[in-house]
Amino acid sequence: MSATTIPTVFGSFRLRAKNQFTLPDAVARAVDAQPGDHFRIWVEDDGTIGISKGRASLAGAFPGMWGDTSEDIEAHLNELRDEWER
């Protein structure tokens, strides 16, 4: 979160044993969090921790990054493979 961003929902929590925490009710409701949902968490350079609701894997998160068709993607991967030393 940047210094100019003001959160619309805010909560606090305490880190428990095994590095676990519970989302505050207001936050869980704001993002419609349900049991089994996946979240991503990251640390920024200034030590700020970010968390977002999202998929467990980054697979499929960047459509079109390596091409729009299976053939495009395969061609791109082949180019990358050709760069590897064998």
PDB file of N, CA and C in Angstrom:
ATOM      1  N   MET A   1       0.851  -1.164   0.000  1.00  0.00           N
ATOM      2  CA  MET A   1       0.000   0.000   0.000  1.00  0.00           C
ATOM      3  C   MET A   1       0.900   1.231   0.000  1.00  0.00           C
ATOM      4  N   SER A   2       0.632   2.152  -0.894  1.00  0.00           N
ATOM      5  CA  SER A   2       1.440   3.356  -0.955  1.00  0.00           C
ATOM      6  C   SER A   2       1.030   4.311   0.159  1.00  0.00           C
ATOM      7  N   ALA A   3       1.874   5.300   0.407  1.00  0.00           N
ATOM      8  CA  ALA A   3       1.624   6.250   1.486  1.00  0.00           C
ATOM      9  C   ALA A   3       0.352   7.058   1.246  1.00  0.00           C
ATOM     10  N   THR A   4      -0.091   7.193   0.005  1.00  0.00           N
ATOM     11  CA  THR A   4      -1.267   8.007  -0.286  1.00  0.00           C
ATOM     12  C   THR A   4      -2.550   7.190  -0.328  1.00  0.00           C
ATOM     13  N   THR A   5      -2.450   5.874  -0.193  1.00  0.00           N
ATOM     14  CA  THR A   5      -3.628   5.022  -0.241  1.00  0.00           C
ATOM     15  C   THR A   5      -4.232   4.898   1.151  1.00  0.00           C
ATOM     16  N   ILE A   6      -5.520   5.129   1.235  1.00  0.00           N
ATOM     17  CA  ILE A   6      -6.228   4.955   2.502  1.00  0.00           C
ATOM     18  C   ILE A   6      -7.112   3.729   2.350  1.00  0.00           C
ATOM     19  N   PRO A   7      -6.935   2.725   3.224  1.00  0.00           N
ATOM     20  CA  PRO A   7      -7.725   1.507   3.074  1.00  0.00           C
ATOM     21  C   PRO A   7      -9.208   1.758   3.344  1.00  0.00           C
ATOM     22  N   THR A   8     -10.071   1.065   2.597  1.00  0.00           N
ATOM     23  CA  THR A   8     -11.502   1.193   2.835  1.00  0.00           C
ATOM     24  C   THR A   8     -11.947   0.263   3.956  1.00  0.00           C
ATOM     25  N   VAL A   9     -11.243  -0.845   4.141  1.00  0.00           N
ATOM     26  CA  VAL A   9     -11.517  -1.762   5.236  1.00  0.00           C
ATOM     27  C   VAL A   9     -10.196  -2.016   5.934  1.00  0.00           C
ATOM     28  N   PHE A  10     -10.211  -1.942   7.235  1.00  0.00           N
ATOM     29  CA  PHE A  10      -8.965  -2.106   7.974  1.00  0.00           C
ATOM     30  C   PHE A  10      -9.221  -3.002   9.163  1.00  0.00           C
ATOM     31  N   GLY A  11      -8.281  -3.820   9.469  1.00  0.00           N
ATOM     32  CA  GLY A  11      -8.372  -4.666  10.646  1.00  0.00           C
ATOM     33  C   GLY A  11      -6.977  -4.962  11.139  1.00  0.00           C
ATOM     34  N   SER A  12      -6.894  -5.551  12.290  1.00  0.00           N
ATOM     35  CA  SER A  12      -5.582  -5.944  12.796  1.00  0.00           C
ATOM     36  C   SER A  12      -5.689  -7.368  13.321  1.00  0.00           C
ATOM     37  N   PHE A  13      -4.568  -8.008  13.448  1.00  0.00           N
ATOM     38  CA  PHE A  13      -4.541  -9.372  13.948  1.00  0.00           C
ATOM     39  C   PHE A  13      -3.222  -9.611  14.625  1.00  0.00           C
ATOM     40  N   ARG A  14      -3.167 -10.693  15.371  1.00  0.00           N
ATOM     41  CA  ARG A  14      -1.948 -11.078  16.075  1.00  0.00           C
ATOM     42  C   ARG A  14      -1.441 -12.373  15.466  1.00  0.00           C
ATOM     43  N   LEU A  15      -0.154 -12.458  15.271  1.00  0.00           N
ATOM     44  CA  LEU A  15       0.456 -13.676  14.747  1.00  0.00           C
ATOM     45  C   LEU A  15       0.455 -14.725  15.857  1.00  0.00           C
ATOM     46  N   ARG A  16      -0.038 -15.908  15.531  1.00  0.00           N
ATOM     47  CA  ARG A  16      -0.124 -16.987  16.509  1.00  0.00           C
ATOM     48  C   ARG A  16       0.986 -18.007  16.264  1.00  0.00           C
ATOM     49  N   ALA A  17       0.940 -19.061  17.057  1.00  0.00           N
ATOM     50  CA  ALA A  17       1.896 -20.157  16.908  1.00  0.00           C
ATOM     51  C   ALA A  17       1.847 -20.660  15.465  1.00  0.00           C
ATOM     52  N   LYS A  18       2.926 -21.171  15.002  1.00  0.00           N
ATOM     53  CA  LYS A  18       3.056 -21.691  13.637  1.00  0.00           C
ATOM     54  C   LYS A  18       2.833 -20.604  12.588  1.00  0.00           C
ATOM     55  N   ASN A  19       3.081 -19.353  12.937  1.00  0.00           N
ATOM     56  CA  ASN A  19       2.978 -18.219  12.010  1.00  0.00           C
ATOM     57  C   ASN A  19       1.599 -18.108  11.372  1.00  0.00           C
ATOM     58  N   GLN A  20       0.544 -18.341  12.108  1.00  0.00           N
ATOM     59  CA  GLN A  20      -0.813 -18.281  11.586  1.00  0.00           C
ATOM     60  C   GLN A  20      -1.516 -17.025  12.072  1.00  0.00           C
ATOM     61  N   PHE A  21      -2.464 -16.550  11.267  1.00  0.00           N
ATOM     62  CA  PHE A  21      -3.328 -15.451  11.687  1.00  0.00           C
ATOM     63  C   PHE A  21      -4.707 -15.661  11.090  1.00  0.00           C
ATOM     64  N   THR A  22      -5.689 -14.973  11.634  1.00  0.00           N
ATOM     65  CA  THR A  22      -7.057 -15.032  11.152  1.00  0.00           C
ATOM     66  C   THR A  22      -7.416 -13.685  10.566  1.00  0.00           C
ATOM     67  N   LEU A  23      -8.007 -13.701   9.371  1.00  0.00           N
ATOM     68  CA  LEU A  23      -8.458 -12.433   8.786  1.00  0.00           C
ATOM     69  C   LEU A  23      -9.526 -11.831   9.684  1.00  0.00           C
ATOM     70  N   PRO A  24      -9.438 -10.549   9.963  1.00  0.00           N
ATOM     71  CA  PRO A  24     -10.522  -9.905  10.714  1.00  0.00           C
ATOM     72  C   PRO A  24     -11.846 -10.051   9.956  1.00  0.00           C
ATOM     73  N   ASP A  25     -12.943 -10.175  10.691  1.00  0.00           N
ATOM     74  CA  ASP A  25     -14.255 -10.376  10.059  1.00  0.00           C
ATOM     75  C   ASP A  25     -14.560  -9.328   9.000  1.00  0.00           C
ATOM     76  N   ALA A  26     -14.276  -8.067   9.279  1.00  0.00           N
ATOM     77  CA  ALA A  26     -14.593  -7.001   8.319  1.00  0.00           C
ATOM     78  C   ALA A  26     -13.832  -7.186   7.014  1.00  0.00           C
ATOM     79  N   VAL A  27     -12.591  -7.614   7.118  1.00  0.00           N
ATOM     80  CA  VAL A  27     -11.775  -7.841   5.921  1.00  0.00           C
ATOM     81  C   VAL A  27     -12.297  -9.050   5.154  1.00  0.00           C
ATOM     82  N   ALA A  28     -12.587 -10.136   5.863  1.00  0.00           N
ATOM     83  CA  ALA A  28     -13.107 -11.341   5.208  1.00  0.00           C
ATOM     84  C   ALA A  28     -14.415 -11.041   4.482  1.00  0.00           C
ATOM     85  N   ARG A  29     -15.296 -10.279   5.116  1.00  0.00           N
ATOM     86  CA  ARG A  29     -16.565  -9.921   4.467  1.00  0.00           C
ATOM     87  C   ARG A  29     -16.328  -9.028   3.252  1.00  0.00           C
ATOM     88  N   ALA A  30     -15.396  -8.094   3.358  1.00  0.00           N
ATOM     89  CA  ALA A  30     -15.141  -7.141   2.266  1.00  0.00           C
ATOM     90  C   ALA A  30     -14.664  -7.843   0.996  1.00  0.00           C
ATOM     91  N   VAL A  31     -13.938  -8.947   1.146  1.00  0.00           N
ATOM     92  CA  VAL A  31     -13.423  -9.664  -0.034  1.00  0.00           C
ATOM     93  C   VAL A  31     -14.199 -10.956  -0.279  1.00  0.00           C
ATOM     94  N   ASP A  32     -15.295 -11.136   0.455  1.00  0.00           N
ATOM     95  CA  ASP A  32     -16.122 -12.333   0.334  1.00  0.00           C
ATOM     96  C   ASP A  32     -15.277 -13.595   0.460  1.00  0.00           C
ATOM     97  N   ALA A  33     -14.415 -13.626   1.478  1.00  0.00           N
ATOM     98  CA  ALA A  33     -13.542 -14.779   1.703  1.00  0.00           C
ATOM     99  C   ALA A  33     -14.362 -15.956   2.222  1.00  0.00           C
ATOM    100  N   GLN A  34     -14.106 -17.108   1.650  1.00  0.00           N
ATOM    101  CA  GLN A  34     -14.792 -18.340   2.020  1.00  0.00           C
ATOM    102  C   GLN A  34     -13.751 -19.395   2.381  1.00  0.00           C
ATOM    103  N   PRO A  35     -14.106 -20.352   3.239  1.00  0.00           N
ATOM    104  CA  PRO A  35     -13.169 -21.435   3.553  1.00  0.00           C
ATOM    105  C   PRO A  35     -12.675 -22.094   2.267  1.00  0.00           C
ATOM    106  N   GLY A  36     -11.385 -22.297   2.184  1.00  0.00           N
ATOM    107  CA  GLY A  36     -10.779 -22.906   1.005  1.00  0.00           C
ATOM    108  C   GLY A  36     -10.274 -21.909  -0.019  1.00  0.00           C
ATOM    109  N   ASP A  37     -10.631 -20.625   0.137  1.00  0.00           N
ATOM    110  CA  ASP A  37     -10.114 -19.610  -0.791  1.00  0.00           C
ATOM    111  C   ASP A  37      -8.601 -19.503  -0.660  1.00  0.00           C
ATOM    112  N   HIS A  38      -7.969 -19.116  -1.744  1.00  0.00           N
ATOM    113  CA  HIS A  38      -6.519 -18.937  -1.757  1.00  0.00           C
ATOM    114  C   HIS A  38      -6.188 -17.452  -1.703  1.00  0.00           C
ATOM    115  N   PHE A  39      -5.058 -17.146  -1.083  1.00  0.00           N
ATOM    116  CA  PHE A  39      -4.562 -15.784  -0.992  1.00  0.00           C
ATOM    117  C   PHE A  39      -3.088 -15.774  -1.350  1.00  0.00           C
ATOM    118  N   ARG A  40      -2.634 -14.671  -1.892  1.00  0.00           N
ATOM    119  CA  ARG A  40      -1.198 -14.456  -2.135  1.00  0.00           C
ATOM    120  C   ARG A  40      -0.723 -13.442  -1.126  1.00  0.00           C
ATOM    121  N   ILE A  41       0.504 -13.596  -0.679  1.00  0.00           N
ATOM    122  CA  ILE A  41       1.077 -12.659   0.286  1.00  0.00           C
ATOM    123  C   ILE A  41       2.482 -12.319  -0.174  1.00  0.00           C
ATOM    124  N   TRP A  42       2.896 -11.082   0.009  1.00  0.00           N
ATOM    125  CA  TRP A  42       4.222 -10.643  -0.424  1.00  0.00           C
ATOM    126  C   TRP A  42       4.749  -9.586   0.528  1.00  0.00           C
ATOM    127  N   VAL A  43       6.039  -9.369   0.464  1.00  0.00           N
ATOM    128  CA  VAL A  43       6.701  -8.344   1.271  1.00  0.00           C
ATOM    129  C   VAL A  43       7.342  -7.347   0.324  1.00  0.00           C
ATOM    130  N   GLU A  44       7.048  -6.077   0.520  1.00  0.00           N
ATOM    131  CA  GLU A  44       7.639  -5.021  -0.295  1.00  0.00           C
ATOM    132  C   GLU A  44       8.979  -4.611   0.301  1.00  0.00           C
ATOM    133  N   ASP A  45       9.762  -3.857  -0.472  1.00  0.00           N
ATOM    134  CA  ASP A  45      11.102  -3.457  -0.046  1.00  0.00           C
ATOM    135  C   ASP A  45      11.114  -2.715   1.287  1.00  0.00           C
ATOM    136  N   ASP A  46      10.048  -1.973   1.572  1.00  0.00           N
ATOM    137  CA  ASP A  46      10.015  -1.197   2.824  1.00  0.00           C
ATOM    138  C   ASP A  46       9.492  -2.015   4.004  1.00  0.00           C
ATOM    139  N   GLY A  47       9.262  -3.319   3.805  1.00  0.00           N
ATOM    140  CA  GLY A  47       8.792  -4.182   4.879  1.00  0.00           C
ATOM    141  C   GLY A  47       7.286  -4.286   4.970  1.00  0.00           C
ATOM    142  N   THR A  48       6.567  -3.556   4.130  1.00  0.00           N
ATOM    143  CA  THR A  48       5.116  -3.650   4.098  1.00  0.00           C
ATOM    144  C   THR A  48       4.709  -5.023   3.589  1.00  0.00           C
ATOM    145  N   ILE A  49       3.731  -5.617   4.252  1.00  0.00           N
ATOM    146  CA  ILE A  49       3.210  -6.912   3.830  1.00  0.00           C
ATOM    147  C   ILE A  49       1.910  -6.677   3.080  1.00  0.00           C
ATOM    148  N   GLY A  50       1.778  -7.284   1.918  1.00  0.00           N
ATOM    149  CA  GLY A  50       0.552  -7.193   1.137  1.00  0.00           C
ATOM    150  C   GLY A  50      -0.102  -8.548   1.052  1.00  0.00           C
ATOM    151  N   ILE A  51      -1.412  -8.563   0.953  1.00  0.00           N
ATOM    152  CA  ILE A  51      -2.141  -9.815   0.802  1.00  0.00           C
ATOM    153  C   ILE A  51      -3.292  -9.570  -0.159  1.00  0.00           C
ATOM    154  N   SER A  52      -3.526 -10.515  -1.055  1.00  0.00           N
ATOM    155  CA  SER A  52      -4.640 -10.371  -1.982  1.00  0.00           C
ATOM    156  C   SER A  52      -5.302 -11.731  -2.175  1.00  0.00           C
ATOM    157  N   LYS A  53      -6.596 -11.695  -2.367  1.00  0.00           N
ATOM    158  CA  LYS A  53      -7.343 -12.908  -2.652  1.00  0.00           C
ATOM    159  C   LYS A  53      -7.080 -13.264  -4.107  1.00  0.00           C
ATOM    160  N   GLY A  54      -6.778 -14.498  -4.363  1.00  0.00           N
ATOM    161  CA  GLY A  54      -6.500 -14.893  -5.734  1.00  0.00           C
ATOM    162  C   GLY A  54      -6.204 -16.358  -5.828  1.00  0.00           C
ATOM    163  N   ARG A  55      -5.782 -16.741  -6.996  1.00  0.00           N
ATOM    164  CA  ARG A  55      -5.518 -18.148  -7.257  1.00  0.00           C
ATOM    165  C   ARG A  55      -4.269 -18.623  -6.525  1.00  0.00           C
ATOM    166  N   ALA A  56      -4.209 -19.911  -6.300  1.00  0.00           N
ATOM    167  CA  ALA A  56      -3.082 -20.512  -5.591  1.00  0.00           C
ATOM    168  C   ALA A  56      -1.840 -20.555  -6.460  1.00  0.00           C
ATOM    169  N   SER A  57      -2.040 -20.652  -7.740  1.00  0.00           N
ATOM    170  CA  SER A  57      -0.936 -20.773  -8.675  1.00  0.00           C
ATOM    171  C   SER A  57      -0.950 -19.569  -9.610  1.00  0.00           C
ATOM    172  N   LEU A  58       0.199 -19.230 -10.124  1.00  0.00           N
ATOM    173  CA  LEU A  58       0.260 -18.164 -11.114  1.00  0.00           C
ATOM    174  C   LEU A  58      -0.041 -18.694 -12.519  1.00  0.00           C
ATOM    175  N   ALA A  59      -0.240 -19.998 -12.635  1.00  0.00           N
ATOM    176  CA  ALA A  59      -0.565 -20.577 -13.942  1.00  0.00           C
ATOM    177  C   ALA A  59      -1.824 -19.926 -14.482  1.00  0.00           C
ATOM    178  N   GLY A  60      -1.737 -19.402 -15.668  1.00  0.00           N
ATOM    179  CA  GLY A  60      -2.875 -18.755 -16.293  1.00  0.00           C
ATOM    180  C   GLY A  60      -3.102 -17.317 -15.869  1.00  0.00           C
ATOM    181  N   ALA A  61      -2.244 -16.803 -15.006  1.00  0.00           N
ATOM    182  CA  ALA A  61      -2.437 -15.447 -14.487  1.00  0.00           C
ATOM    183  C   ALA A  61      -2.031 -14.371 -15.487  1.00  0.00           C
ATOM    184  N   PHE A  62      -1.251 -14.715 -16.486  1.00  0.00           N
ATOM    185  CA  PHE A  62      -0.752 -13.731 -17.439  1.00  0.00           C
ATOM    186  C   PHE A  62      -1.070 -14.169 -18.866  1.00  0.00           C
ATOM    187  N   PRO A  63      -2.340 -14.176 -19.240  1.00  0.00           N
ATOM    188  CA  PRO A  63      -2.686 -14.633 -20.582  1.00  0.00           C
ATOM    189  C   PRO A  63      -2.046 -13.761 -21.656  1.00  0.00           C
ATOM    190  N   GLY A  64      -1.580 -14.406 -22.700  1.00  0.00           N
ATOM    191  CA  GLY A  64      -0.977 -13.687 -23.814  1.00  0.00           C
ATOM    192  C   GLY A  64       0.487 -13.336 -23.621  1.00  0.00           C
ATOM    193  N   MET A  65       1.038 -13.626 -22.462  1.00  0.00           N
ATOM    194  CA  MET A  65       2.422 -13.243 -22.188  1.00  0.00           C
ATOM    195  C   MET A  65       3.400 -13.921 -23.151  1.00  0.00           C
ATOM    196  N   TRP A  66       3.128 -15.183 -23.500  1.00  0.00           N
ATOM    197  CA  TRP A  66       4.035 -15.911 -24.388  1.00  0.00           C
ATOM    198  C   TRP A  66       3.390 -16.200 -25.733  1.00  0.00           C
ATOM    199  N   GLY A  67       2.227 -15.648 -25.946  1.00  0.00           N
ATOM    200  CA  GLY A  67       1.527 -15.856 -27.203  1.00  0.00           C
ATOM    201  C   GLY A  67       0.048 -16.071 -26.955  1.00  0.00           C
ATOM    202  N   ASP A  68      -0.709 -15.988 -28.030  1.00  0.00           N
ATOM    203  CA  ASP A  68      -2.159 -16.114 -27.897  1.00  0.00           C
ATOM    204  C   ASP A  68      -2.692 -17.494 -28.254  1.00  0.00           C
ATOM    205  N   THR A  69      -1.889 -18.278 -28.943  1.00  0.00           N
ATOM    206  CA  THR A  69      -2.327 -19.611 -29.340  1.00  0.00           C
ATOM    207  C   THR A  69      -1.323 -20.638 -28.837  1.00  0.00           C
ATOM    208  N   SER A  70      -1.733 -21.890 -28.852  1.00  0.00           N
ATOM    209  CA  SER A  70      -0.816 -22.962 -28.445  1.00  0.00           C
ATOM    210  C   SER A  70       0.431 -22.975 -29.317  1.00  0.00           C
ATOM    211  N   GLU A  71       0.232 -22.678 -30.605  1.00  0.00           N
ATOM    212  CA  GLU A  71       1.366 -22.661 -31.531  1.00  0.00           C
ATOM    213  C   GLU A  71       2.330 -21.523 -31.190  1.00  0.00           C
ATOM    214  N   ASP A  72       1.788 -20.351 -30.870  1.00  0.00           N
ATOM    215  CA  ASP A  72       2.634 -19.208 -30.469  1.00  0.00           C
ATOM    216  C   ASP A  72       3.446 -19.539 -29.226  1.00  0.00           C
ATOM    217  N   ILE A  73       2.776 -20.137 -28.248  1.00  0.00           N
ATOM    218  CA  ILE A  73       3.449 -20.471 -26.995  1.00  0.00           C
ATOM    219  C   ILE A  73       4.524 -21.514 -27.234  1.00  0.00           C
ATOM    220  N   GLU A  74       4.217 -22.527 -28.026  1.00  0.00           N
ATOM    221  CA  GLU A  74       5.204 -23.570 -28.327  1.00  0.00           C
ATOM    222  C   GLU A  74       6.406 -22.980 -29.061  1.00  0.00           C
ATOM    223  N   ALA A  75       6.170 -22.076 -30.000  1.00  0.00           N
ATOM    224  CA  ALA A  75       7.268 -21.434 -30.735  1.00  0.00           C
ATOM    225  C   ALA A  75       8.136 -20.614 -29.777  1.00  0.00           C
ATOM    226  N   HIS A  76       7.506 -19.894 -28.874  1.00  0.00           N
ATOM    227  CA  HIS A  76       8.265 -19.089 -27.912  1.00  0.00           C
ATOM    228  C   HIS A  76       9.103 -19.989 -27.009  1.00  0.00           C
ATOM    229  N   LEU A  77       8.498 -21.069 -26.510  1.00  0.00           N
ATOM    230  CA  LEU A  77       9.244 -21.995 -25.658  1.00  0.00           C
ATOM    231  C   LEU A  77      10.403 -22.630 -26.411  1.00  0.00           C
ATOM    232  N   ASN A  78      10.209 -22.946 -27.674  1.00  0.00           N
ATOM    233  CA  ASN A  78      11.298 -23.508 -28.476  1.00  0.00           C
ATOM    234  C   ASN A  78      12.437 -22.512 -28.635  1.00  0.00           C
ATOM    235  N   GLU A  79      12.104 -21.233 -28.822  1.00  0.00           N
ATOM    236  CA  GLU A  79      13.151 -20.198 -28.897  1.00  0.00           C
ATOM    237  C   GLU A  79      13.936 -20.145 -27.592  1.00  0.00           C
ATOM    238  N   LEU A  80      13.233 -20.192 -26.471  1.00  0.00           N
ATOM    239  CA  LEU A  80      13.916 -20.168 -25.176  1.00  0.00           C
ATOM    240  C   LEU A  80      14.789 -21.396 -24.990  1.00  0.00           C
ATOM    241  N   ARG A  81      14.265 -22.545 -25.372  1.00  0.00           N
ATOM    242  CA  ARG A  81      15.047 -23.778 -25.250  1.00  0.00           C
ATOM    243  C   ARG A  81      16.310 -23.730 -26.091  1.00  0.00           C
ATOM    244  N   ASP A  82      16.223 -23.102 -27.276  1.00  0.00           N
ATOM    245  CA  ASP A  82      17.393 -22.984 -28.149  1.00  0.00           C
ATOM    246  C   ASP A  82      18.488 -22.130 -27.518  1.00  0.00           C
ATOM    247  N   GLU A  83      18.100 -21.235 -26.598  1.00  0.00           N
ATOM    248  CA  GLU A  83      19.083 -20.373 -25.928  1.00  0.00           C
ATOM    249  C   GLU A  83      19.872 -21.121 -24.859  1.00  0.00           C
ATOM    250  N   TRP A  84      19.325 -22.229 -24.359  1.00  0.00           N
ATOM    251  CA  TRP A  84      19.991 -22.979 -23.295  1.00  0.00           C
ATOM    252  C   TRP A  84      21.236 -23.661 -23.845  1.00  0.00           C
ATOM    253  N   GLU A  85      22.235 -23.733 -23.010  1.00  0.00           N
ATOM    254  CA  GLU A  85      23.428 -24.485 -23.398  1.00  0.00           C
ATOM    255  C   GLU A  85      23.125 -25.967 -23.241  1.00  0.00           C
ATOM    256  N   ARG A  86      23.520 -26.718 -24.216  1.00  0.00           N
ATOM    257  CA  ARG A  86      23.260 -28.169 -24.144  1.00  0.00           C
ATOM    258  C   ARG A  86      24.538 -28.905 -23.978  1.00  0.00           C
TER     259      ARG A  86
END
